Protein backbone atom coordinates (compact mmCIF):
# COMPACT_ATOMS: atom_id res chain seq x y z
CA MET A 1 -35.89 -3.33 24.67
CA ARG A 2 -36.22 -7.08 25.68
CA VAL A 3 -34.39 -9.48 23.86
CA LEU A 4 -36.56 -12.56 22.86
CA GLY A 5 -35.70 -16.00 24.16
CA GLY A 6 -34.31 -18.75 21.88
CA MET A 7 -37.57 -20.56 21.67
CA THR A 8 -39.62 -17.59 20.99
CA THR A 9 -37.18 -16.37 18.19
CA MET A 10 -37.31 -19.93 16.74
CA ALA A 11 -41.15 -19.92 16.64
CA ILE A 12 -41.28 -16.52 15.02
CA ARG A 13 -38.91 -17.52 12.58
CA TRP A 14 -40.65 -20.69 11.47
CA LEU A 15 -44.00 -18.87 11.58
CA ALA A 16 -42.25 -16.35 9.16
CA LEU A 17 -41.11 -19.10 7.00
CA LEU A 18 -44.78 -20.95 7.04
CA ALA A 19 -46.14 -17.26 5.90
CA LEU A 20 -43.67 -17.13 2.76
CA CYS A 21 -44.70 -20.66 2.11
CA ALA A 22 -48.63 -20.32 2.71
CA ALA A 23 -49.76 -19.83 -0.81
CA TYR A 24 -47.55 -22.69 -2.08
CA LEU A 25 -48.96 -25.25 0.67
CA GLN A 26 -52.49 -23.94 -0.27
CA GLY A 27 -52.04 -24.05 -3.66
CA GLY A 28 -50.45 -27.52 -3.77
CA LEU A 29 -53.17 -29.15 -1.55
CA ASN A 30 -55.89 -27.58 -3.57
CA LYS A 31 -54.32 -29.03 -6.75
CA ALA A 32 -53.83 -32.24 -5.11
CA LEU A 33 -57.39 -32.45 -3.80
CA ASP A 34 -58.79 -31.31 -7.18
CA PHE A 35 -56.55 -32.72 -9.57
CA GLY A 36 -58.83 -32.19 -12.60
CA GLY A 37 -58.93 -27.96 -11.60
CA ALA A 38 -55.27 -28.41 -11.56
CA ILE A 39 -55.14 -29.86 -15.27
CA ALA A 40 -57.50 -27.13 -16.12
CA GLU A 41 -55.31 -24.30 -14.93
CA MET A 42 -52.66 -25.75 -16.80
CA GLN A 43 -54.57 -25.72 -20.14
CA HIS A 44 -55.94 -22.37 -19.14
CA PHE A 45 -52.16 -20.88 -19.36
CA GLY A 46 -51.33 -23.03 -22.55
CA LEU A 47 -49.07 -25.48 -20.64
CA ALA A 48 -48.86 -28.93 -21.89
CA PRO A 49 -48.84 -31.87 -21.39
CA ALA A 50 -50.89 -30.60 -18.65
CA ALA A 51 -51.55 -33.50 -16.45
CA PRO A 52 -47.73 -34.04 -15.77
CA LEU A 53 -47.11 -30.46 -15.16
CA ALA A 54 -50.08 -30.21 -12.70
CA LEU A 55 -48.37 -33.00 -10.96
CA LEU A 56 -44.83 -31.38 -11.16
CA THR A 57 -46.34 -28.11 -9.76
CA ILE A 58 -47.86 -30.16 -6.94
CA VAL A 59 -44.62 -31.91 -5.91
CA ILE A 60 -42.90 -28.43 -6.27
CA GLU A 61 -45.12 -26.40 -4.31
CA LEU A 62 -45.38 -29.05 -1.35
CA GLY A 63 -42.03 -30.31 -1.41
CA ALA A 64 -40.16 -27.32 -1.56
CA SER A 65 -42.40 -25.78 1.21
CA LEU A 66 -41.85 -28.95 3.20
CA LEU A 67 -37.87 -28.39 2.82
CA ILE A 68 -37.93 -24.62 3.87
CA LEU A 69 -40.21 -25.70 7.06
CA SER A 70 -38.17 -28.54 8.22
CA GLY A 71 -35.03 -27.10 7.56
CA ILE A 72 -33.73 -30.00 5.29
CA TYR A 73 -31.86 -28.45 2.19
CA ARG A 74 -33.94 -25.17 3.25
CA TRP A 75 -31.85 -23.12 0.75
CA ALA A 76 -32.73 -25.88 -2.06
CA GLY A 77 -36.21 -25.55 -1.24
CA ALA A 78 -36.15 -21.81 -1.44
CA LEU A 79 -34.29 -21.63 -4.60
CA VAL A 80 -36.82 -23.97 -6.23
CA LEU A 81 -39.61 -21.85 -5.03
CA ALA A 82 -37.76 -18.93 -6.17
CA GLY A 83 -37.33 -20.33 -9.92
CA PHE A 84 -40.87 -21.69 -9.96
CA THR A 85 -42.44 -18.39 -8.79
CA LEU A 86 -40.43 -16.47 -11.48
CA PHE A 87 -41.72 -18.97 -14.33
CA ALA A 88 -45.14 -18.84 -12.92
CA THR A 89 -45.13 -15.10 -12.62
CA PHE A 90 -44.00 -14.90 -16.47
CA VAL A 91 -46.84 -17.30 -17.28
CA ALA A 92 -49.65 -16.04 -15.30
CA ASN A 93 -49.21 -12.30 -14.69
CA ARG A 94 -48.47 -10.87 -18.36
CA PHE A 95 -49.69 -7.28 -17.41
CA TRP A 96 -47.82 -5.84 -20.27
CA GLU A 97 -50.04 -7.78 -22.83
CA MET A 98 -53.38 -6.53 -21.12
CA VAL A 99 -55.39 -3.59 -21.01
CA PRO A 100 -56.85 -1.63 -17.98
CA PRO A 101 -58.29 -2.41 -15.52
CA GLU A 102 -57.02 -6.09 -15.85
CA ARG A 103 -53.30 -4.70 -16.37
CA PHE A 104 -53.28 -2.97 -13.05
CA MET A 105 -54.11 -6.14 -10.98
CA ALA A 106 -51.96 -8.30 -12.94
CA ALA A 107 -49.00 -5.87 -12.78
CA ASN A 108 -49.47 -5.68 -8.84
CA SER A 109 -49.48 -9.43 -8.65
CA PHE A 110 -46.51 -9.55 -10.75
CA PHE A 111 -44.19 -7.10 -8.55
CA GLU A 112 -45.62 -9.10 -5.18
CA HIS A 113 -44.44 -12.44 -6.84
CA ILE A 114 -41.33 -10.63 -7.44
CA GLY A 115 -41.04 -9.62 -3.58
CA LEU A 116 -41.54 -13.50 -2.77
CA ILE A 117 -38.94 -14.29 -5.06
CA GLY A 118 -36.60 -11.89 -3.35
CA GLY A 119 -37.76 -13.35 -0.02
CA PHE A 120 -36.77 -16.87 -0.98
CA ILE A 121 -33.24 -15.79 -2.34
CA LEU A 122 -32.63 -14.13 1.43
CA ILE A 123 -33.67 -17.64 2.79
CA ALA A 124 -31.29 -19.45 0.43
CA TRP A 125 -28.26 -16.92 1.24
CA HIS A 126 -29.18 -16.83 4.82
CA ASP A 127 -29.25 -20.84 5.19
CA LEU A 128 -26.07 -21.16 3.17
CA LYS A 129 -24.08 -18.38 5.24
CA GLN A 130 -24.72 -20.82 8.10
CA PRO A 131 -22.29 -23.46 9.19
CA GLN A 132 -23.80 -26.89 8.36
CA ASN A 133 -24.59 -28.02 12.17
CA GLU A 134 -26.69 -24.77 12.62
CA ARG A 135 -29.00 -24.94 9.88
CA THR A 136 -32.59 -25.59 11.35
């Protein structure tokens, strides 16, 4: 079995991190480009005050993703997105309050987001295990 070179390994690792952050980058950009829609989303989920929370969501989604992708405080960005995802999952995917068929789709989404949280925790754990000068 051929071992990948250093540059290839780094590229694959960065692409994997990009894949984990893709929904947050897309969501943050969409909210930033349609701030009215972002406010409506907050109102839909009963979150108030809607405008500041929409702005905070944009900052979290884009800022934490950039920390992860840049390697600067990657562990912090990963933990922020893990916490954000946990909160958002309990707000948006309350499958236990739904009836079929909506319940099935919301339950799937809920547990998919739990998987993302696990991925972000692994990123933070892995980053914190590395010596400071090797975190990139």
